[in-house]
N, C-alpha and C. Protein backbone atom coordinates (compact mmCIF):
# COMPACT_ATOMS: atom_id res chain seq x y z
N MET A 1 25.03 124.31 127.43
CA MET A 1 23.95 124.00 128.76
C MET A 1 22.50 124.56 128.18
N PRO A 2 22.05 124.21 128.90
CA PRO A 2 19.92 123.98 128.87
C PRO A 2 20.06 126.26 128.74
N ASP A 3 18.93 126.30 128.04
CA ASP A 3 18.54 127.81 127.85
C ASP A 3 17.01 127.69 129.07
N GLU A 4 17.63 127.92 129.98
CA GLU A 4 16.86 128.49 131.43
C GLU A 4 14.64 128.58 131.11
N THR A 5 15.11 130.15 130.49
CA THR A 5 14.07 130.75 129.95
C THR A 5 13.66 129.63 128.94
N LEU A 6 13.78 129.23 127.82
CA LEU A 6 13.09 128.23 126.85
C LEU A 6 12.23 127.13 127.77
N ASP A 7 13.66 127.15 128.45
CA ASP A 7 12.66 125.43 129.62
C ASP A 7 11.77 125.46 129.71
N ARG A 8 11.62 127.33 130.55
CA ARG A 8 10.47 127.76 131.91
C ARG A 8 9.31 128.03 130.45
N ASP A 9 9.42 128.21 129.34
CA ASP A 9 8.99 128.61 128.05
C ASP A 9 7.27 127.27 127.73
N TRP A 10 7.82 126.37 128.79
CA TRP A 10 6.41 125.27 127.82
C TRP A 10 6.10 125.05 129.40
N ARG A 11 6.54 124.75 130.48
CA ARG A 11 6.49 124.15 131.33
C ARG A 11 5.04 124.85 132.22
N ILE A 12 4.12 124.51 133.02
CA ILE A 12 2.67 124.16 133.57
C ILE A 12 3.29 125.78 134.07
N PRO A 13 2.30 126.48 133.96
CA PRO A 13 2.56 127.75 135.06
C PRO A 13 1.85 127.12 136.39
N ASP A 14 2.75 127.73 137.01
CA ASP A 14 2.39 127.45 138.57
C ASP A 14 0.34 127.87 138.83
N VAL A 15 -0.11 129.06 138.58
CA VAL A 15 -1.19 129.34 138.89
C VAL A 15 -2.62 127.94 138.30
N LEU A 16 -1.59 127.36 137.38
CA LEU A 16 -2.58 126.32 136.05
C LEU A 16 -2.23 124.78 137.28
N TRP A 17 -1.06 124.86 137.35
CA TRP A 17 -0.33 123.05 138.64
C TRP A 17 -1.40 123.40 139.70
N GLU A 18 -1.34 124.55 140.59
CA GLU A 18 -2.21 125.04 141.94
C GLU A 18 -3.79 124.17 141.77
N ARG A 19 -4.35 124.49 140.40
CA ARG A 19 -5.88 123.74 140.15
C ARG A 19 -5.43 122.11 139.88
N ILE A 20 -4.32 122.13 139.38
CA ILE A 20 -4.55 120.18 139.17
C ILE A 20 -4.07 119.59 140.27
N VAL A 21 -3.05 120.19 141.64
CA VAL A 21 -2.22 119.32 142.45
C VAL A 21 -3.97 118.45 143.36
N PRO A 22 -5.09 119.71 143.47
CA PRO A 22 -6.49 118.95 144.35
C PRO A 22 -7.10 117.55 143.74
N LEU A 23 -6.59 117.52 142.03
CA LEU A 23 -7.04 116.31 141.85
C LEU A 23 -6.78 115.27 141.31
N LEU A 24 -5.31 115.58 141.95
CA LEU A 24 -4.18 114.60 141.49
C LEU A 24 -4.31 113.40 143.17
N PRO A 25 -3.89 111.80 143.14
CA PRO A 25 -4.16 110.82 143.99
C PRO A 25 -3.50 110.59 145.08
N VAL A 26 -3.80 110.55 145.95
CA VAL A 26 -2.09 110.87 146.81
C VAL A 26 -1.37 109.28 146.60
N ARG A 27 0.14 110.42 147.08
CA ARG A 27 0.86 108.76 146.76
C ARG A 27 1.05 108.28 148.54
N LYS A 28 0.99 107.40 147.48
CA LYS A 28 1.17 105.73 148.30
C LYS A 28 2.20 105.38 148.30
N PRO A 29 3.71 105.43 149.62
CA PRO A 29 4.78 104.48 149.29
C PRO A 29 4.10 102.84 148.76
N HIS A 30 5.38 102.02 147.93
CA HIS A 30 4.68 100.88 147.60
C HIS A 30 5.17 99.93 149.57
N PRO A 31 4.25 99.35 149.15
CA PRO A 31 3.96 98.10 150.44
C PRO A 31 5.32 97.76 150.17
N LEU A 32 6.26 97.04 150.10
CA LEU A 32 7.49 96.28 150.34
C LEU A 32 8.13 97.26 150.30
N GLY A 33 8.19 99.15 149.60
CA GLY A 33 9.46 99.81 150.08
C GLY A 33 10.67 99.58 148.92
N CYS A 34 10.24 98.88 147.81
CA CYS A 34 11.46 98.52 147.42
C CYS A 34 11.11 98.66 145.64
N HIS A 35 10.67 99.11 145.57
CA HIS A 35 10.89 100.02 144.30
C HIS A 35 11.65 101.02 143.63
N ARG A 36 11.34 101.29 142.33
CA ARG A 36 11.99 103.13 142.14
C ARG A 36 11.15 104.08 142.24
N PRO A 37 11.18 104.75 142.91
CA PRO A 37 10.24 106.13 143.59
C PRO A 37 10.26 106.84 142.35
N ARG A 38 8.66 106.93 142.86
CA ARG A 38 8.04 107.87 141.45
C ARG A 38 8.54 109.05 140.91
N VAL A 39 8.29 109.56 139.57
CA VAL A 39 9.11 110.68 138.94
C VAL A 39 8.03 111.40 139.80
N ASP A 40 8.03 113.16 140.08
CA ASP A 40 7.96 113.69 141.17
C ASP A 40 6.15 113.99 139.70
N ASP A 41 4.95 114.01 140.86
CA ASP A 41 3.62 114.29 139.80
C ASP A 41 4.07 116.28 138.46
N ARG A 42 4.26 116.81 139.06
CA ARG A 42 4.45 118.21 138.63
C ARG A 42 5.74 118.34 137.29
N ARG A 43 7.03 117.06 137.09
CA ARG A 43 7.88 116.91 136.18
C ARG A 43 6.98 115.97 135.03
N ALA A 44 6.28 114.52 135.48
CA ALA A 44 5.50 113.67 134.70
C ALA A 44 4.58 114.95 134.10
N MET A 45 3.96 115.31 134.69
CA MET A 45 2.42 116.56 134.14
C MET A 45 3.12 116.84 133.40
N ASP A 46 4.67 117.75 133.39
CA ASP A 46 5.41 118.56 132.27
C ASP A 46 5.66 117.93 131.24
N ALA A 47 6.04 116.83 131.34
CA ALA A 47 6.58 116.24 130.26
C ALA A 47 5.13 115.93 129.37
N ILE A 48 4.29 114.99 129.90
CA ILE A 48 3.05 115.24 129.13
C ILE A 48 2.70 115.93 128.27
N PHE A 49 2.15 117.93 128.96
CA PHE A 49 1.76 118.34 128.73
C PHE A 49 3.06 119.18 127.01
N PHE A 50 4.18 118.87 127.59
CA PHE A 50 4.85 119.39 125.97
C PHE A 50 4.83 118.28 124.59
N VAL A 51 4.68 117.10 125.62
CA VAL A 51 4.22 116.16 123.99
C VAL A 51 3.14 115.81 123.86
N LEU A 52 1.81 116.49 124.18
CA LEU A 52 0.77 117.28 123.96
C LEU A 52 0.62 117.97 122.42
N ARG A 53 1.25 119.43 123.41
CA ARG A 53 1.24 120.33 122.88
C ARG A 53 2.45 120.64 121.73
N THR A 54 3.50 119.92 120.96
CA THR A 54 4.30 119.73 120.57
C THR A 54 4.45 118.28 119.56
N GLY A 55 3.91 117.59 119.43
CA GLY A 55 3.72 116.23 119.26
C GLY A 55 5.19 115.75 119.09
N TRP A 56 5.97 116.42 119.66
CA TRP A 56 7.68 115.85 119.79
C TRP A 56 8.06 114.76 119.11
N PRO A 57 8.37 116.37 117.48
CA PRO A 57 9.20 116.41 116.50
C PRO A 57 10.34 116.15 117.20
N VAL A 58 11.24 115.65 116.15
CA VAL A 58 12.49 115.79 116.08
C VAL A 58 13.15 116.99 116.88
N GLU A 59 13.13 117.93 116.49
CA GLU A 59 13.36 118.51 116.72
C GLU A 59 13.80 119.24 118.18
N CYS A 60 12.66 118.53 118.70
CA CYS A 60 12.23 118.72 119.89
C CYS A 60 13.38 117.95 120.78
N SER A 61 13.87 116.80 120.27
CA SER A 61 14.03 115.69 121.14
C SER A 61 15.71 116.42 121.07
N GLU A 62 16.00 116.64 120.02
CA GLU A 62 17.74 116.81 120.42
C GLU A 62 17.73 118.71 120.87
N ARG A 63 16.21 119.76 121.09
CA ARG A 63 16.33 120.53 122.21
C ARG A 63 16.67 120.49 123.13
N HIS A 64 15.27 119.73 123.59
CA HIS A 64 15.09 119.66 124.88
C HIS A 64 14.88 118.42 125.50
N GLY A 65 15.93 117.25 124.97
CA GLY A 65 15.60 115.90 125.65
C GLY A 65 16.50 115.94 126.47
N HIS A 66 17.05 116.95 127.29
CA HIS A 66 17.51 116.87 128.63
C HIS A 66 16.86 117.17 129.85
N LEU A 67 15.17 117.53 129.22
CA LEU A 67 14.79 117.80 130.37
C LEU A 67 13.85 116.43 130.92
N PHE A 68 13.93 115.62 129.84
CA PHE A 68 13.25 114.25 130.71
C PHE A 68 14.50 113.89 131.25
N GLU A 69 15.19 113.49 131.04
CA GLU A 69 16.62 112.52 131.71
C GLU A 69 16.05 112.14 133.30
């Protein structure tokens, strides 16, 4: 079972996320409504920052890979 404390350690803090949200474009639904729904903006940004901070070494893949499923 994943360690929730460890998972929270690398996520974007709420204070920073509140400053990022106004900079993101408005989410528009696909005009045909048929495509896979977009990933949540915060989950996507968490993943981007995680890779930038860690370089995504193999050790992290084994330990944190479940976070991006």
